[in-house]
Each structure stands twice: as structure tokens, then as C-alpha cells.
Amino acid sequence: MNKKVVFGVIGVLALIASAVMYKVGRSSSHLSELKDFWWYPLPLAVICFLVAGSKKKEG
């Protein structure tokens, strides 16, 4: 696997984790802190997608 695939997969997993955190936190009163912090994985996803989409510098 190359770097772009690995970072792309990590980015997708971070988005899925964020969605699951929001859904589970919304439906369960015992896990309401998940709804409060659902956005924590989003910066990781953005960074991973930026790295996966970056072009290699020549030189």
C-alpha cells in the first residue's frame, strides 16, 4: 500500500468514527459526551485527506 491509500483509509475511518460518535451519543443518555465531542476526529480526517491528495514535489 502506498501513502495515499493509507491516509485515505484513515481519513474515511475518522469520518465514520465521528458519525458513529454523534449517533450513539444522541441516542444514549449515558453516552451523551460522545455527542459533545463528535467533531474531535474531523481535524484528523481533514489532515489525512490533505496528505492523501497532495502531490509529490519534484526536485
N, C-alpha and C. Protein backbone atom coordinates (compact mmCIF):
# COMPACT_ATOMS: atom_id res chain seq x y z
N MET A 1 0.84 -1.19 0.00
CA MET A 1 0.00 0.00 0.00
C MET A 1 0.88 1.25 0.00
N ASN A 2 0.44 2.22 -0.74
CA ASN A 2 1.20 3.46 -0.73
C ASN A 2 0.61 4.45 0.27
N LYS A 3 1.28 5.56 0.41
CA LYS A 3 0.92 6.56 1.41
C LYS A 3 -0.47 7.14 1.18
N LYS A 4 -0.84 7.37 -0.07
CA LYS A 4 -2.13 7.97 -0.36
C LYS A 4 -3.28 7.06 0.06
N VAL A 5 -3.15 5.78 -0.16
CA VAL A 5 -4.20 4.83 0.22
C VAL A 5 -4.33 4.76 1.73
N VAL A 6 -3.21 4.69 2.43
CA VAL A 6 -3.23 4.58 3.89
C VAL A 6 -3.88 5.81 4.51
N PHE A 7 -3.48 6.98 4.08
CA PHE A 7 -4.06 8.20 4.64
C PHE A 7 -5.52 8.38 4.22
N GLY A 8 -5.87 7.92 3.04
CA GLY A 8 -7.27 7.97 2.62
C GLY A 8 -8.14 7.08 3.48
N VAL A 9 -7.67 5.89 3.78
CA VAL A 9 -8.42 4.96 4.63
C VAL A 9 -8.55 5.52 6.05
N ILE A 10 -7.48 6.08 6.57
CA ILE A 10 -7.54 6.67 7.92
C ILE A 10 -8.53 7.83 7.94
N GLY A 11 -8.55 8.64 6.89
CA GLY A 11 -9.49 9.75 6.82
C GLY A 11 -10.94 9.28 6.79
N VAL A 12 -11.20 8.24 6.02
CA VAL A 12 -12.56 7.68 5.96
C VAL A 12 -12.96 7.10 7.31
N LEU A 13 -12.04 6.40 7.95
CA LEU A 13 -12.34 5.83 9.28
C LEU A 13 -12.62 6.93 10.31
N ALA A 14 -11.90 8.05 10.22
CA ALA A 14 -12.15 9.16 11.13
C ALA A 14 -13.53 9.76 10.90
N LEU A 15 -13.95 9.86 9.64
CA LEU A 15 -15.30 10.37 9.36
C LEU A 15 -16.37 9.42 9.88
N ILE A 16 -16.15 8.13 9.69
CA ILE A 16 -17.11 7.14 10.20
C ILE A 16 -17.17 7.19 11.71
N ALA A 17 -16.02 7.31 12.36
CA ALA A 17 -15.98 7.39 13.83
C ALA A 17 -16.74 8.61 14.32
N SER A 18 -16.59 9.72 13.63
CA SER A 18 -17.30 10.93 14.01
C SER A 18 -18.80 10.74 13.91
N ALA A 19 -19.27 10.15 12.82
CA ALA A 19 -20.70 9.92 12.64
C ALA A 19 -21.25 8.96 13.69
N VAL A 20 -20.49 7.91 13.99
CA VAL A 20 -20.94 6.93 14.99
C VAL A 20 -20.98 7.57 16.37
N MET A 21 -19.99 8.38 16.69
CA MET A 21 -19.99 9.06 17.98
C MET A 21 -21.23 9.95 18.14
N TYR A 22 -21.59 10.67 17.08
CA TYR A 22 -22.76 11.54 17.15
C TYR A 22 -24.04 10.73 17.31
N LYS A 23 -24.17 9.67 16.52
CA LYS A 23 -25.39 8.87 16.56
C LYS A 23 -25.56 8.16 17.90
N VAL A 24 -24.49 7.55 18.40
CA VAL A 24 -24.57 6.84 19.67
C VAL A 24 -24.79 7.82 20.82
N GLY A 25 -24.11 8.94 20.79
CA GLY A 25 -24.27 9.94 21.85
C GLY A 25 -25.65 10.56 21.87
N ARG A 26 -26.27 10.67 20.69
CA ARG A 26 -27.61 11.24 20.62
C ARG A 26 -28.66 10.29 21.15
N SER A 27 -28.47 9.00 20.95
CA SER A 27 -29.50 8.03 21.32
C SER A 27 -29.35 7.50 22.75
N SER A 28 -28.21 7.69 23.38
CA SER A 28 -28.00 7.15 24.73
C SER A 28 -27.68 8.28 25.70
N SER A 29 -28.46 8.36 26.77
CA SER A 29 -28.21 9.42 27.75
C SER A 29 -26.94 9.14 28.56
N HIS A 30 -26.53 7.89 28.66
CA HIS A 30 -25.32 7.54 29.41
C HIS A 30 -24.06 7.89 28.63
N LEU A 31 -24.17 8.01 27.32
CA LEU A 31 -23.02 8.30 26.48
C LEU A 31 -23.15 9.66 25.80
N SER A 32 -23.78 10.60 26.48
CA SER A 32 -24.04 11.90 25.87
C SER A 32 -22.75 12.68 25.59
N GLU A 33 -21.66 12.35 26.28
CA GLU A 33 -20.40 13.06 26.00
C GLU A 33 -19.88 12.74 24.60
N LEU A 34 -20.28 11.61 24.03
CA LEU A 34 -19.90 11.32 22.65
C LEU A 34 -20.51 12.34 21.70
N LYS A 35 -21.75 12.76 21.97
CA LYS A 35 -22.39 13.78 21.14
C LYS A 35 -21.70 15.12 21.30
N ASP A 36 -21.18 15.41 22.50
CA ASP A 36 -20.49 16.67 22.75
C ASP A 36 -19.15 16.75 22.02
N PHE A 37 -18.50 15.62 21.82
CA PHE A 37 -17.16 15.61 21.24
C PHE A 37 -17.08 14.87 19.90
N TRP A 38 -18.20 14.81 19.17
CA TRP A 38 -18.24 14.10 17.90
C TRP A 38 -17.31 14.70 16.87
N TRP A 39 -16.99 15.97 17.00
CA TRP A 39 -16.17 16.67 15.99
C TRP A 39 -14.67 16.46 16.21
N TYR A 40 -14.26 15.83 17.29
CA TYR A 40 -12.82 15.64 17.54
C TYR A 40 -12.09 14.88 16.43
N PRO A 41 -12.66 13.84 15.83
CA PRO A 41 -11.93 13.14 14.75
C PRO A 41 -11.89 13.91 13.42
N LEU A 42 -12.69 14.96 13.27
CA LEU A 42 -12.76 15.66 11.99
C LEU A 42 -11.45 16.33 11.57
N PRO A 43 -10.71 16.99 12.47
CA PRO A 43 -9.42 17.55 12.03
C PRO A 43 -8.44 16.47 11.55
N LEU A 44 -8.47 15.32 12.18
CA LEU A 44 -7.63 14.21 11.72
C LEU A 44 -8.03 13.79 10.30
N ALA A 45 -9.33 13.73 10.05
CA ALA A 45 -9.80 13.36 8.71
C ALA A 45 -9.36 14.38 7.67
N VAL A 46 -9.47 15.65 8.00
CA VAL A 46 -9.06 16.71 7.06
C VAL A 46 -7.57 16.62 6.76
N ILE A 47 -6.77 16.44 7.79
CA ILE A 47 -5.32 16.34 7.60
C ILE A 47 -4.97 15.12 6.75
N CYS A 48 -5.62 14.00 7.04
CA CYS A 48 -5.34 12.78 6.26
C CYS A 48 -5.74 12.95 4.80
N PHE A 49 -6.89 13.59 4.55
CA PHE A 49 -7.29 13.80 3.15
C PHE A 49 -6.36 14.78 2.45
N LEU A 50 -5.85 15.77 3.17
CA LEU A 50 -4.88 16.69 2.56
C LEU A 50 -3.58 15.99 2.21
N VAL A 51 -3.11 15.13 3.10
CA VAL A 51 -1.89 14.38 2.83
C VAL A 51 -2.11 13.39 1.68
N ALA A 52 -3.26 12.74 1.67
CA ALA A 52 -3.55 11.77 0.61
C ALA A 52 -3.70 12.45 -0.75
N GLY A 53 -4.18 13.67 -0.75
CA GLY A 53 -4.38 14.37 -2.01
C GLY A 53 -3.22 15.21 -2.46
N SER A 54 -2.17 15.31 -1.64
CA SER A 54 -1.03 16.15 -2.01
C SER A 54 -0.18 15.49 -3.08
N LYS A 55 0.39 16.31 -3.90
CA LYS A 55 1.27 15.78 -4.95
C LYS A 55 2.71 15.83 -4.47
N LYS A 56 3.46 14.88 -4.88
CA LYS A 56 4.87 14.81 -4.50
C LYS A 56 5.66 15.89 -5.25
N LYS A 57 6.48 16.62 -4.50
CA LYS A 57 7.31 17.65 -5.13
C LYS A 57 8.46 17.00 -5.90
N GLU A 58 8.70 17.53 -7.08
CA GLU A 58 9.82 17.03 -7.86
C GLU A 58 11.03 17.93 -7.61
N GLY A 59 12.15 17.33 -7.56
CA GLY A 59 13.30 18.16 -7.42
C GLY A 59 14.31 17.59 -6.59
